[in-house]
Amino acid sequence: MHKKIDKKFQMLFTEEELRNLKAEAEKRNLSASEFIRICIKNDLTEKTSYSRIMALKTLSNLNEK
């Protein structure tokens, strides 16, 4: 059984960044914190995954042949 441990992390934003963050989170009916968590998770697990990038390159090369 795994025990979930929550940790705090502090970030500083400019007024414009915070305004934009809150606006984007509100569009999705999320808190700013939840929106940041989702963005980080998506970026780390979906967009920057080396294996996914290589798979996309392979697929794009198949279309050229």
N, C-alpha and C. Protein backbone atom coordinates (compact mmCIF):
# COMPACT_ATOMS: atom_id res chain seq x y z
N MET A 1 0.84 -1.18 0.00
CA MET A 1 0.00 0.00 0.00
C MET A 1 0.89 1.25 0.00
N HIS A 2 0.60 2.15 -0.94
CA HIS A 2 1.38 3.39 -1.03
C HIS A 2 0.65 4.51 -0.32
N LYS A 3 1.40 5.29 0.41
CA LYS A 3 0.83 6.42 1.13
C LYS A 3 1.13 7.69 0.34
N LYS A 4 0.08 8.46 0.03
CA LYS A 4 0.25 9.70 -0.70
C LYS A 4 0.79 10.78 0.25
N ILE A 5 1.83 11.43 -0.17
CA ILE A 5 2.42 12.50 0.63
C ILE A 5 2.37 13.78 -0.20
N ASP A 6 1.67 14.78 0.30
CA ASP A 6 1.57 16.06 -0.39
C ASP A 6 2.69 16.98 0.08
N LYS A 7 3.27 17.67 -0.85
CA LYS A 7 4.34 18.63 -0.55
C LYS A 7 3.92 20.00 -1.06
N LYS A 8 4.42 21.03 -0.44
CA LYS A 8 4.16 22.40 -0.89
C LYS A 8 5.32 22.89 -1.73
N PHE A 9 5.00 23.75 -2.69
CA PHE A 9 6.00 24.34 -3.55
C PHE A 9 5.53 25.76 -3.85
N GLN A 10 6.40 26.72 -3.71
CA GLN A 10 6.02 28.11 -3.90
C GLN A 10 6.59 28.63 -5.21
N MET A 11 5.77 29.40 -5.94
CA MET A 11 6.20 30.01 -7.20
C MET A 11 5.85 31.50 -7.15
N LEU A 12 6.67 32.30 -7.79
CA LEU A 12 6.39 33.73 -7.90
C LEU A 12 6.01 34.05 -9.34
N PHE A 13 4.96 34.85 -9.51
CA PHE A 13 4.48 35.24 -10.82
C PHE A 13 4.42 36.75 -10.92
N THR A 14 4.59 37.26 -12.12
CA THR A 14 4.30 38.67 -12.34
C THR A 14 2.78 38.83 -12.28
N GLU A 15 2.32 40.06 -12.16
CA GLU A 15 0.87 40.29 -12.13
C GLU A 15 0.22 39.78 -13.41
N GLU A 16 0.86 40.00 -14.54
CA GLU A 16 0.31 39.55 -15.82
C GLU A 16 0.25 38.02 -15.90
N GLU A 17 1.32 37.36 -15.46
CA GLU A 17 1.33 35.89 -15.47
C GLU A 17 0.23 35.33 -14.58
N LEU A 18 0.06 35.91 -13.42
CA LEU A 18 -0.97 35.43 -12.49
C LEU A 18 -2.36 35.68 -13.07
N ARG A 19 -2.56 36.82 -13.67
CA ARG A 19 -3.85 37.14 -14.31
C ARG A 19 -4.15 36.13 -15.42
N ASN A 20 -3.14 35.85 -16.25
CA ASN A 20 -3.33 34.88 -17.34
C ASN A 20 -3.58 33.47 -16.81
N LEU A 21 -2.84 33.10 -15.78
CA LEU A 21 -3.01 31.78 -15.17
C LEU A 21 -4.43 31.61 -14.65
N LYS A 22 -4.89 32.59 -13.89
CA LYS A 22 -6.23 32.51 -13.33
C LYS A 22 -7.30 32.49 -14.42
N ALA A 23 -7.10 33.26 -15.46
CA ALA A 23 -8.08 33.29 -16.56
C ALA A 23 -8.16 31.94 -17.26
N GLU A 24 -7.01 31.34 -17.55
CA GLU A 24 -6.99 30.03 -18.22
C GLU A 24 -7.57 28.95 -17.32
N ALA A 25 -7.27 29.00 -16.04
CA ALA A 25 -7.82 28.01 -15.10
C ALA A 25 -9.34 28.17 -15.01
N GLU A 26 -9.80 29.40 -14.95
CA GLU A 26 -11.24 29.65 -14.84
C GLU A 26 -11.99 29.14 -16.07
N LYS A 27 -11.40 29.29 -17.27
CA LYS A 27 -12.03 28.77 -18.49
C LYS A 27 -12.30 27.27 -18.39
N ARG A 28 -11.46 26.59 -17.64
CA ARG A 28 -11.56 25.14 -17.51
C ARG A 28 -12.24 24.72 -16.20
N ASN A 29 -12.75 25.71 -15.46
CA ASN A 29 -13.41 25.47 -14.18
C ASN A 29 -12.48 24.74 -13.20
N LEU A 30 -11.21 25.18 -13.16
CA LEU A 30 -10.20 24.60 -12.27
C LEU A 30 -9.62 25.70 -11.39
N SER A 31 -9.05 25.28 -10.27
CA SER A 31 -8.26 26.23 -9.49
C SER A 31 -6.94 26.46 -10.21
N ALA A 32 -6.28 27.55 -9.90
CA ALA A 32 -4.97 27.81 -10.52
C ALA A 32 -3.98 26.70 -10.17
N SER A 33 -4.04 26.21 -8.94
CA SER A 33 -3.12 25.14 -8.52
C SER A 33 -3.36 23.86 -9.31
N GLU A 34 -4.62 23.49 -9.47
CA GLU A 34 -4.93 22.26 -10.22
C GLU A 34 -4.53 22.41 -11.69
N PHE A 35 -4.74 23.61 -12.23
CA PHE A 35 -4.36 23.86 -13.62
C PHE A 35 -2.85 23.71 -13.81
N ILE A 36 -2.06 24.24 -12.88
CA ILE A 36 -0.60 24.09 -12.94
C ILE A 36 -0.21 22.62 -12.84
N ARG A 37 -0.82 21.88 -11.91
CA ARG A 37 -0.50 20.45 -11.77
C ARG A 37 -0.78 19.70 -13.07
N ILE A 38 -1.92 19.97 -13.68
CA ILE A 38 -2.27 19.30 -14.94
C ILE A 38 -1.30 19.68 -16.05
N CYS A 39 -0.95 20.96 -16.13
CA CYS A 39 -0.01 21.41 -17.16
C CYS A 39 1.35 20.74 -17.01
N ILE A 40 1.84 20.67 -15.79
CA ILE A 40 3.14 20.04 -15.55
C ILE A 40 3.07 18.55 -15.89
N LYS A 41 2.02 17.90 -15.42
CA LYS A 41 1.87 16.46 -15.71
C LYS A 41 1.82 16.23 -17.22
N ASN A 42 1.03 17.01 -17.92
CA ASN A 42 0.93 16.86 -19.38
C ASN A 42 2.26 17.11 -20.06
N ASP A 43 2.95 18.14 -19.64
CA ASP A 43 4.22 18.47 -20.27
C ASP A 43 5.27 17.38 -20.01
N LEU A 44 5.33 16.89 -18.81
CA LEU A 44 6.35 15.89 -18.47
C LEU A 44 6.02 14.50 -18.99
N THR A 45 4.75 14.13 -19.01
CA THR A 45 4.41 12.76 -19.39
C THR A 45 3.97 12.61 -20.84
N GLU A 46 3.55 13.69 -21.46
CA GLU A 46 3.05 13.55 -22.82
C GLU A 46 3.87 14.27 -23.87
N LYS A 47 4.26 15.49 -23.61
CA LYS A 47 4.92 16.28 -24.64
C LYS A 47 6.41 16.05 -24.71
N THR A 48 7.07 15.81 -23.61
CA THR A 48 8.52 15.72 -23.64
C THR A 48 9.03 14.28 -23.58
N SER A 49 8.14 13.33 -23.64
CA SER A 49 8.56 11.94 -23.58
C SER A 49 9.38 11.61 -24.82
N TYR A 50 10.62 11.20 -24.60
CA TYR A 50 11.51 10.88 -25.71
C TYR A 50 10.92 9.79 -26.59
N SER A 51 10.35 8.77 -25.99
CA SER A 51 9.79 7.68 -26.80
C SER A 51 8.63 8.16 -27.65
N ARG A 52 7.82 9.08 -27.13
CA ARG A 52 6.71 9.61 -27.93
C ARG A 52 7.23 10.45 -29.09
N ILE A 53 8.26 11.25 -28.82
CA ILE A 53 8.83 12.08 -29.87
C ILE A 53 9.41 11.20 -30.98
N MET A 54 10.13 10.15 -30.59
CA MET A 54 10.71 9.25 -31.58
C MET A 54 9.61 8.53 -32.37
N ALA A 55 8.54 8.14 -31.70
CA ALA A 55 7.43 7.48 -32.39
C ALA A 55 6.80 8.43 -33.41
N LEU A 56 6.63 9.69 -33.04
CA LEU A 56 6.08 10.66 -33.98
C LEU A 56 7.00 10.87 -35.17
N LYS A 57 8.31 10.90 -34.92
CA LYS A 57 9.26 11.03 -36.03
C LYS A 57 9.15 9.83 -36.97
N THR A 58 9.05 8.65 -36.39
CA THR A 58 8.92 7.43 -37.20
C THR A 58 7.65 7.49 -38.04
N LEU A 59 6.54 7.88 -37.43
CA LEU A 59 5.29 7.98 -38.17
C LEU A 59 5.36 9.02 -39.27
N SER A 60 5.98 10.15 -38.99
CA SER A 60 6.08 11.19 -40.02
C SER A 60 6.97 10.73 -41.18
N ASN A 61 7.98 9.93 -40.89
CA ASN A 61 8.84 9.39 -41.95
C ASN A 61 8.09 8.38 -42.79
N LEU A 62 7.17 7.64 -42.21
CA LEU A 62 6.38 6.67 -42.96
C LEU A 62 5.50 7.38 -43.99
N ASN A 63 4.98 8.53 -43.64
CA ASN A 63 4.12 9.27 -44.54
C ASN A 63 4.89 9.82 -45.74
N GLU A 64 6.19 10.04 -45.60
CA GLU A 64 7.00 10.60 -46.67
C GLU A 64 7.41 9.54 -47.70
N LYS A 65 7.35 8.26 -47.33
CA LYS A 65 7.81 7.21 -48.22
C LYS A 65 6.76 6.77 -49.21
